[in-house]
Amino acid sequence: MPSSVIKRFAYDPQGRVLTITFVSGRVYGYQGVPADVAEGMRLAFAKGEYFNKAIRDHFIAVAVAVAGAEPPDQPPLL
């Protein structure tokens, strides 16, 4: 089911960073996310509900960018 809040996400297992792009265009990297939590996000039917339950307020969020606002000489983040 498409999420009304989360546009896309990607996981870096080496850095343990789950990067989430929200439909608002904001992009956050959630630090120290274990692989099983990221896999839970991938498998979740309701991504927004899973995010609220297992990720939000459980991991440090670092604002990465606002989609479309990256400097022109930088490649897209996701």
PDB file of N, CA and C in Angstrom:
ATOM      1  N   MET A   1       0.848  -1.178   0.000  1.00  0.00           N
ATOM      2  CA  MET A   1       0.000   0.000   0.000  1.00  0.00           C
ATOM      3  C   MET A   1       0.893   1.241   0.000  1.00  0.00           C
ATOM      4  N   PRO A   2       0.684   2.168  -0.900  1.00  0.00           N
ATOM      5  CA  PRO A   2       1.480   3.402  -0.899  1.00  0.00           C
ATOM      6  C   PRO A   2       1.202   4.206   0.374  1.00  0.00           C
ATOM      7  N   SER A   3       2.250   4.810   0.883  1.00  0.00           N
ATOM      8  CA  SER A   3       2.115   5.611   2.097  1.00  0.00           C
ATOM      9  C   SER A   3       1.688   7.027   1.738  1.00  0.00           C
ATOM     10  N   SER A   4       0.888   7.617   2.595  1.00  0.00           N
ATOM     11  CA  SER A   4       0.490   9.012   2.383  1.00  0.00           C
ATOM     12  C   SER A   4       1.502   9.964   3.001  1.00  0.00           C
ATOM     13  N   VAL A   5       2.517   9.412   3.686  1.00  0.00           N
ATOM     14  CA  VAL A   5       3.506  10.234   4.369  1.00  0.00           C
ATOM     15  C   VAL A   5       4.921   9.997   3.834  1.00  0.00           C
ATOM     16  N   ILE A   6       5.241   8.747   3.513  1.00  0.00           N
ATOM     17  CA  ILE A   6       6.593   8.375   3.098  1.00  0.00           C
ATOM     18  C   ILE A   6       6.625   8.139   1.598  1.00  0.00           C
ATOM     19  N   LYS A   7       7.497   8.875   0.933  1.00  0.00           N
ATOM     20  CA  LYS A   7       7.621   8.758  -0.515  1.00  0.00           C
ATOM     21  C   LYS A   7       8.539   7.601  -0.895  1.00  0.00           C
ATOM     22  N   ARG A   8       9.712   7.534  -0.227  1.00  0.00           N
ATOM     23  CA  ARG A   8      10.649   6.437  -0.472  1.00  0.00           C
ATOM     24  C   ARG A   8      11.634   6.359   0.684  1.00  0.00           C
ATOM     25  N   PHE A   9      12.377   5.272   0.710  1.00  0.00           N
ATOM     26  CA  PHE A   9      13.390   5.106   1.745  1.00  0.00           C
ATOM     27  C   PHE A   9      14.497   4.208   1.206  1.00  0.00           C
ATOM     28  N   ALA A  10      15.655   4.335   1.812  1.00  0.00           N
ATOM     29  CA  ALA A  10      16.812   3.518   1.441  1.00  0.00           C
ATOM     30  C   ALA A  10      17.603   3.241   2.707  1.00  0.00           C
ATOM     31  N   TYR A  11      18.262   2.097   2.730  1.00  0.00           N
ATOM     32  CA  TYR A  11      19.028   1.708   3.915  1.00  0.00           C
ATOM     33  C   TYR A  11      20.477   1.457   3.538  1.00  0.00           C
ATOM     34  N   ASP A  12      21.381   2.016   4.334  1.00  0.00           N
ATOM     35  CA  ASP A  12      22.819   1.785   4.194  1.00  0.00           C
ATOM     36  C   ASP A  12      23.233   0.866   5.338  1.00  0.00           C
ATOM     37  N   PRO A  13      23.427  -0.436   5.061  1.00  0.00           N
ATOM     38  CA  PRO A  13      23.743  -1.364   6.148  1.00  0.00           C
ATOM     39  C   PRO A  13      25.103  -1.121   6.790  1.00  0.00           C
ATOM     40  N   GLN A  14      26.062  -0.630   6.038  1.00  0.00           N
ATOM     41  CA  GLN A  14      27.384  -0.370   6.613  1.00  0.00           C
ATOM     42  C   GLN A  14      27.340   0.799   7.587  1.00  0.00           C
ATOM     43  N   GLY A  15      26.661   1.859   7.205  1.00  0.00           N
ATOM     44  CA  GLY A  15      26.551   3.031   8.072  1.00  0.00           C
ATOM     45  C   GLY A  15      25.390   2.956   9.040  1.00  0.00           C
ATOM     46  N   ARG A  16      24.514   1.952   8.839  1.00  0.00           N
ATOM     47  CA  ARG A  16      23.304   1.781   9.647  1.00  0.00           C
ATOM     48  C   ARG A  16      22.440   3.044   9.641  1.00  0.00           C
ATOM     49  N   VAL A  17      22.276   3.596   8.429  1.00  0.00           N
ATOM     50  CA  VAL A  17      21.476   4.810   8.251  1.00  0.00           C
ATOM     51  C   VAL A  17      20.276   4.481   7.362  1.00  0.00           C
ATOM     52  N   LEU A  18      19.100   4.775   7.865  1.00  0.00           N
ATOM     53  CA  LEU A  18      17.865   4.638   7.103  1.00  0.00           C
ATOM     54  C   LEU A  18      17.479   6.035   6.644  1.00  0.00           C
ATOM     55  N   THR A  19      17.521   6.257   5.347  1.00  0.00           N
ATOM     56  CA  THR A  19      17.196   7.560   4.781  1.00  0.00           C
ATOM     57  C   THR A  19      15.760   7.521   4.280  1.00  0.00           C
ATOM     58  N   ILE A  20      14.960   8.440   4.778  1.00  0.00           N
ATOM     59  CA  ILE A  20      13.544   8.477   4.419  1.00  0.00           C
ATOM     60  C   ILE A  20      13.230   9.806   3.759  1.00  0.00           C
ATOM     61  N   THR A  21      12.593   9.723   2.598  1.00  0.00           N
ATOM     62  CA  THR A  21      12.083  10.909   1.904  1.00  0.00           C
ATOM     63  C   THR A  21      10.581  10.941   2.137  1.00  0.00           C
ATOM     64  N   PHE A  22      10.130  12.028   2.726  1.00  0.00           N
ATOM     65  CA  PHE A  22       8.707  12.189   3.005  1.00  0.00           C
ATOM     66  C   PHE A  22       8.027  12.876   1.830  1.00  0.00           C
ATOM     67  N   VAL A  23       6.723  12.729   1.724  1.00  0.00           N
ATOM     68  CA  VAL A  23       5.993  13.335   0.618  1.00  0.00           C
ATOM     69  C   VAL A  23       6.115  14.852   0.625  1.00  0.00           C
ATOM     70  N   SER A  24       6.447  15.427   1.759  1.00  0.00           N
ATOM     71  CA  SER A  24       6.655  16.871   1.856  1.00  0.00           C
ATOM     72  C   SER A  24       7.920  17.313   1.125  1.00  0.00           C
ATOM     73  N   GLY A  25       8.791  16.340   0.814  1.00  0.00           N
ATOM     74  CA  GLY A  25      10.059  16.648   0.170  1.00  0.00           C
ATOM     75  C   GLY A  25      11.220  16.640   1.145  1.00  0.00           C
ATOM     76  N   ARG A  26      10.939  16.633   2.419  1.00  0.00           N
ATOM     77  CA  ARG A  26      12.011  16.599   3.419  1.00  0.00           C
ATOM     78  C   ARG A  26      12.648  15.209   3.440  1.00  0.00           C
ATOM     79  N   VAL A  27      13.980  15.204   3.660  1.00  0.00           N
ATOM     80  CA  VAL A  27      14.739  13.959   3.693  1.00  0.00           C
ATOM     81  C   VAL A  27      15.506  13.908   5.007  1.00  0.00           C
ATOM     82  N   TYR A  28      15.362  12.796   5.718  1.00  0.00           N
ATOM     83  CA  TYR A  28      16.057  12.613   6.989  1.00  0.00           C
ATOM     84  C   TYR A  28      16.804  11.286   6.981  1.00  0.00           C
ATOM     85  N   GLY A  29      17.989  11.299   7.584  1.00  0.00           N
ATOM     86  CA  GLY A  29      18.750  10.080   7.798  1.00  0.00           C
ATOM     87  C   GLY A  29      18.619   9.694   9.258  1.00  0.00           C
ATOM     88  N   TYR A  30      18.106   8.518   9.513  1.00  0.00           N
ATOM     89  CA  TYR A  30      17.945   8.013  10.878  1.00  0.00           C
ATOM     90  C   TYR A  30      19.172   7.167  11.204  1.00  0.00           C
ATOM     91  N   GLN A  31      19.905   7.575  12.229  1.00  0.00           N
ATOM     92  CA  GLN A  31      21.209   7.021  12.566  1.00  0.00           C
ATOM     93  C   GLN A  31      21.091   5.793  13.476  1.00  0.00           C
ATOM     94  N   GLY A  32      21.978   4.805  13.240  1.00  0.00           N
ATOM     95  CA  GLY A  32      22.075   3.641  14.116  1.00  0.00           C
ATOM     96  C   GLY A  32      20.925   2.667  14.005  1.00  0.00           C
ATOM     97  N   VAL A  33      20.264   2.634  12.858  1.00  0.00           N
ATOM     98  CA  VAL A  33      19.109   1.746  12.669  1.00  0.00           C
ATOM     99  C   VAL A  33      19.612   0.335  12.355  1.00  0.00           C
ATOM    100  N   PRO A  34      19.250  -0.655  13.171  1.00  0.00           N
ATOM    101  CA  PRO A  34      19.652  -2.033  12.895  1.00  0.00           C
ATOM    102  C   PRO A  34      18.993  -2.558  11.623  1.00  0.00           C
ATOM    103  N   ALA A  35      19.641  -3.525  11.011  1.00  0.00           N
ATOM    104  CA  ALA A  35      19.141  -4.105   9.759  1.00  0.00           C
ATOM    105  C   ALA A  35      17.737  -4.678   9.907  1.00  0.00           C
ATOM    106  N   ASP A  36      17.437  -5.277  11.052  1.00  0.00           N
ATOM    107  CA  ASP A  36      16.111  -5.876  11.218  1.00  0.00           C
ATOM    108  C   ASP A  36      15.003  -4.819  11.276  1.00  0.00           C
ATOM    109  N   VAL A  37      15.320  -3.647  11.788  1.00  0.00           N
ATOM    110  CA  VAL A  37      14.329  -2.561  11.816  1.00  0.00           C
ATOM    111  C   VAL A  37      14.106  -2.027  10.397  1.00  0.00           C
ATOM    112  N   ALA A  38      15.196  -1.885   9.638  1.00  0.00           N
ATOM    113  CA  ALA A  38      15.072  -1.443   8.242  1.00  0.00           C
ATOM    114  C   ALA A  38      14.293  -2.468   7.424  1.00  0.00           C
ATOM    115  N   GLU A  39      14.546  -3.739   7.672  1.00  0.00           N
ATOM    116  CA  GLU A  39      13.815  -4.796   6.971  1.00  0.00           C
ATOM    117  C   GLU A  39      12.340  -4.762   7.354  1.00  0.00           C
ATOM    118  N   GLY A  40      12.064  -4.462   8.601  1.00  0.00           N
ATOM    119  CA  GLY A  40      10.672  -4.316   9.032  1.00  0.00           C
ATOM    120  C   GLY A  40       9.969  -3.205   8.281  1.00  0.00           C
ATOM    121  N   MET A  41      10.687  -2.127   8.016  1.00  0.00           N
ATOM    122  CA  MET A  41      10.127  -1.021   7.234  1.00  0.00           C
ATOM    123  C   MET A  41       9.800  -1.501   5.821  1.00  0.00           C
ATOM    124  N   ARG A  42      10.730  -2.244   5.242  1.00  0.00           N
ATOM    125  CA  ARG A  42      10.512  -2.745   3.880  1.00  0.00           C
ATOM    126  C   ARG A  42       9.294  -3.663   3.819  1.00  0.00           C
ATOM    127  N   LEU A  43       9.126  -4.486   4.827  1.00  0.00           N
ATOM    128  CA  LEU A  43       8.044  -5.467   4.824  1.00  0.00           C
ATOM    129  C   LEU A  43       6.704  -4.918   5.311  1.00  0.00           C
ATOM    130  N   ALA A  44       6.719  -3.781   5.970  1.00  0.00           N
ATOM    131  CA  ALA A  44       5.496  -3.235   6.563  1.00  0.00           C
ATOM    132  C   ALA A  44       4.456  -2.885   5.509  1.00  0.00           C
ATOM    133  N   PHE A  45       3.242  -3.279   5.761  1.00  0.00           N
ATOM    134  CA  PHE A  45       2.141  -2.937   4.867  1.00  0.00           C
ATOM    135  C   PHE A  45       1.849  -1.442   4.965  1.00  0.00           C
ATOM    136  N   ALA A  46       1.807  -0.939   6.190  1.00  0.00           N
ATOM    137  CA  ALA A  46       1.553   0.483   6.430  1.00  0.00           C
ATOM    138  C   ALA A  46       2.866   1.128   6.873  1.00  0.00           C
ATOM    139  N   LYS A  47       3.595   1.694   5.930  1.00  0.00           N
ATOM    140  CA  LYS A  47       4.923   2.262   6.198  1.00  0.00           C
ATOM    141  C   LYS A  47       4.872   3.373   7.245  1.00  0.00           C
ATOM    142  N   GLY A  48       3.890   4.254   7.148  1.00  0.00           N
ATOM    143  CA  GLY A  48       3.766   5.346   8.103  1.00  0.00           C
ATOM    144  C   GLY A  48       3.540   4.860   9.522  1.00  0.00           C
ATOM    145  N   GLU A  49       2.700   3.853   9.679  1.00  0.00           N
ATOM    146  CA  GLU A  49       2.448   3.283  11.001  1.00  0.00           C
ATOM    147  C   GLU A  49       3.717   2.645  11.557  1.00  0.00           C
ATOM    148  N   TYR A  50       4.432   1.903  10.729  1.00  0.00           N
ATOM    149  CA  TYR A  50       5.668   1.266  11.180  1.00  0.00           C
ATOM    150  C   TYR A  50       6.693   2.329  11.565  1.00  0.00           C
ATOM    151  N   PHE A  51       6.805   3.359  10.741  1.00  0.00           N
ATOM    152  CA  PHE A  51       7.731   4.453  11.042  1.00  0.00           C
ATOM    153  C   PHE A  51       7.421   5.052  12.414  1.00  0.00           C
ATOM    154  N   ASN A  52       6.159   5.350  12.670  1.00  0.00           N
ATOM    155  CA  ASN A  52       5.768   5.957  13.941  1.00  0.00           C
ATOM    156  C   ASN A  52       6.030   5.026  15.124  1.00  0.00           C
ATOM    157  N   LYS A  53       5.845   3.734  14.917  1.00  0.00           N
ATOM    158  CA  LYS A  53       5.990   2.764  15.993  1.00  0.00           C
ATOM    159  C   LYS A  53       7.447   2.388  16.264  1.00  0.00           C
ATOM    160  N   ALA A  54       8.243   2.200  15.217  1.00  0.00           N
ATOM    161  CA  ALA A  54       9.564   1.597  15.387  1.00  0.00           C
ATOM    162  C   ALA A  54      10.749   2.523  15.125  1.00  0.00           C
ATOM    163  N   ILE A  55      10.526   3.664  14.478  1.00  0.00           N
ATOM    164  CA  ILE A  55      11.657   4.500  14.074  1.00  0.00           C
ATOM    165  C   ILE A  55      11.586   5.893  14.692  1.00  0.00           C
ATOM    166  N   ARG A  56      10.494   6.566  14.479  1.00  0.00           N
ATOM    167  CA  ARG A  56      10.332   7.929  15.011  1.00  0.00           C
ATOM    168  C   ARG A  56      10.513   7.912  16.527  1.00  0.00           C
ATOM    169  N   ASP A  57      11.277   8.840  17.031  1.00  0.00           N
ATOM    170  CA  ASP A  57      11.561   8.974  18.460  1.00  0.00           C
ATOM    171  C   ASP A  57      12.403   7.833  19.035  1.00  0.00           C
ATOM    172  N   HIS A  58      12.882   6.915  18.180  1.00  0.00           N
ATOM    173  CA  HIS A  58      13.752   5.830  18.635  1.00  0.00           C
ATOM    174  C   HIS A  58      15.188   6.012  18.138  1.00  0.00           C
ATOM    175  N   PHE A  59      15.353   6.778  17.081  1.00  0.00           N
ATOM    176  CA  PHE A  59      16.671   6.978  16.476  1.00  0.00           C
ATOM    177  C   PHE A  59      16.881   8.464  16.200  1.00  0.00           C
ATOM    178  N   ILE A  60      18.118   8.882  16.215  1.00  0.00           N
ATOM    179  CA  ILE A  60      18.452  10.273  15.934  1.00  0.00           C
ATOM    180  C   ILE A  60      18.204  10.553  14.455  1.00  0.00           C
ATOM    181  N   ALA A  61      17.454  11.605  14.189  1.00  0.00           N
ATOM    182  CA  ALA A  61      17.156  12.017  12.816  1.00  0.00           C
ATOM    183  C   ALA A  61      18.011  13.220  12.459  1.00  0.00           C
ATOM    184  N   VAL A  62      18.671  13.127  11.311  1.00  0.00           N
ATOM    185  CA  VAL A  62      19.483  14.232  10.802  1.00  0.00           C
ATOM    186  C   VAL A  62      18.863  14.685   9.487  1.00  0.00           C
ATOM    187  N   ALA A  63      18.510  15.964   9.421  1.00  0.00           N
ATOM    188  CA  ALA A  63      17.952  16.500   8.177  1.00  0.00           C
ATOM    189  C   ALA A  63      19.021  16.434   7.106  1.00  0.00           C
ATOM    190  N   VAL A  64      18.686  15.802   5.989  1.00  0.00           N
ATOM    191  CA  VAL A  64      19.636  15.645   4.893  1.00  0.00           C
ATOM    192  C   VAL A  64      19.440  16.759   3.886  1.00  0.00           C
ATOM    193  N   ALA A  65      18.198  16.973   3.454  1.00  0.00           N
ATOM    194  CA  ALA A  65      17.931  17.985   2.431  1.00  0.00           C
ATOM    195  C   ALA A  65      16.432  18.101   2.230  1.00  0.00           C
ATOM    196  N   VAL A  66      16.077  19.084   1.480  1.00  0.00           N
ATOM    197  CA  VAL A  66      14.718  19.203   0.987  1.00  0.00           C
ATOM    198  C   VAL A  66      14.795  18.841  -0.489  1.00  0.00           C
ATOM    199  N   ALA A  67      13.998  17.864  -0.903  1.00  0.00           N
ATOM    200  CA  ALA A  67      14.047  17.394  -2.287  1.00  0.00           C
ATOM    201  C   ALA A  67      13.909  18.562  -3.251  1.00  0.00           C
ATOM    202  N   GLY A  68      14.755  18.569  -4.255  1.00  0.00           N
ATOM    203  CA  GLY A  68      14.733  19.630  -5.243  1.00  0.00           C
ATOM    204  C   GLY A  68      15.578  20.821  -4.856  1.00  0.00           C
ATOM    205  N   ALA A  69      16.136  20.812  -3.638  1.00  0.00           N
ATOM    206  CA  ALA A  69      16.927  21.951  -3.180  1.00  0.00           C
ATOM    207  C   ALA A  69      18.422  21.639  -3.130  1.00  0.00           C
ATOM    208  N   GLU A  70      18.825  20.481  -3.655  1.00  0.00           N
ATOM    209  CA  GLU A  70      20.231  20.144  -3.660  1.00  0.00           C
ATOM    210  C   GLU A  70      20.988  21.115  -4.553  1.00  0.00           C
ATOM    211  N   PRO A  71      22.219  21.448  -4.187  1.00  0.00           N
ATOM    212  CA  PRO A  71      23.013  22.309  -5.066  1.00  0.00           C
ATOM    213  C   PRO A  71      23.118  21.679  -6.454  1.00  0.00           C
ATOM    214  N   PRO A  72      23.137  22.470  -7.516  1.00  0.00           N
ATOM    215  CA  PRO A  72      23.112  21.927  -8.867  1.00  0.00           C
ATOM    216  C   PRO A  72      24.297  21.039  -9.204  1.00  0.00           C
ATOM    217  N   ASP A  73      25.446  21.196  -8.530  1.00  0.00           N
ATOM    218  CA  ASP A  73      26.602  20.367  -8.848  1.00  0.00           C
ATOM    219  C   ASP A  73      26.641  19.076  -8.034  1.00  0.00           C
ATOM    220  N   GLN A  74      25.613  18.817  -7.231  1.00  0.00           N
ATOM    221  CA  GLN A  74      25.557  17.606  -6.419  1.00  0.00           C
ATOM    222  C   GLN A  74      24.613  16.601  -7.050  1.00  0.00           C
ATOM    223  N   PRO A  75      24.959  15.301  -6.992  1.00  0.00           N
ATOM    224  CA  PRO A  75      24.023  14.277  -7.500  1.00  0.00           C
ATOM    225  C   PRO A  75      22.837  14.153  -6.552  1.00  0.00           C
ATOM    226  N   PRO A  76      21.726  13.616  -7.025  1.00  0.00           N
ATOM    227  CA  PRO A  76      20.574  13.403  -6.142  1.00  0.00           C
ATOM    228  C   PRO A  76      20.948  12.494  -4.973  1.00  0.00           C
ATOM    229  N   LEU A  77      20.318  12.695  -3.838  1.00  0.00           N
ATOM    230  CA  LEU A  77      20.621  11.895  -2.652  1.00  0.00           C
ATOM    231  C   LEU A  77      20.096  10.488  -2.754  1.00  0.00           C
ATOM    232  N   LEU A  78      18.939  10.289  -3.352  1.00  0.00           N
ATOM    233  CA  LEU A  78      18.342   8.951  -3.440  1.00  0.00           C
ATOM    234  C   LEU A  78      17.975   8.636  -4.859  1.00  0.00           C
TER     235      LEU A  78
END
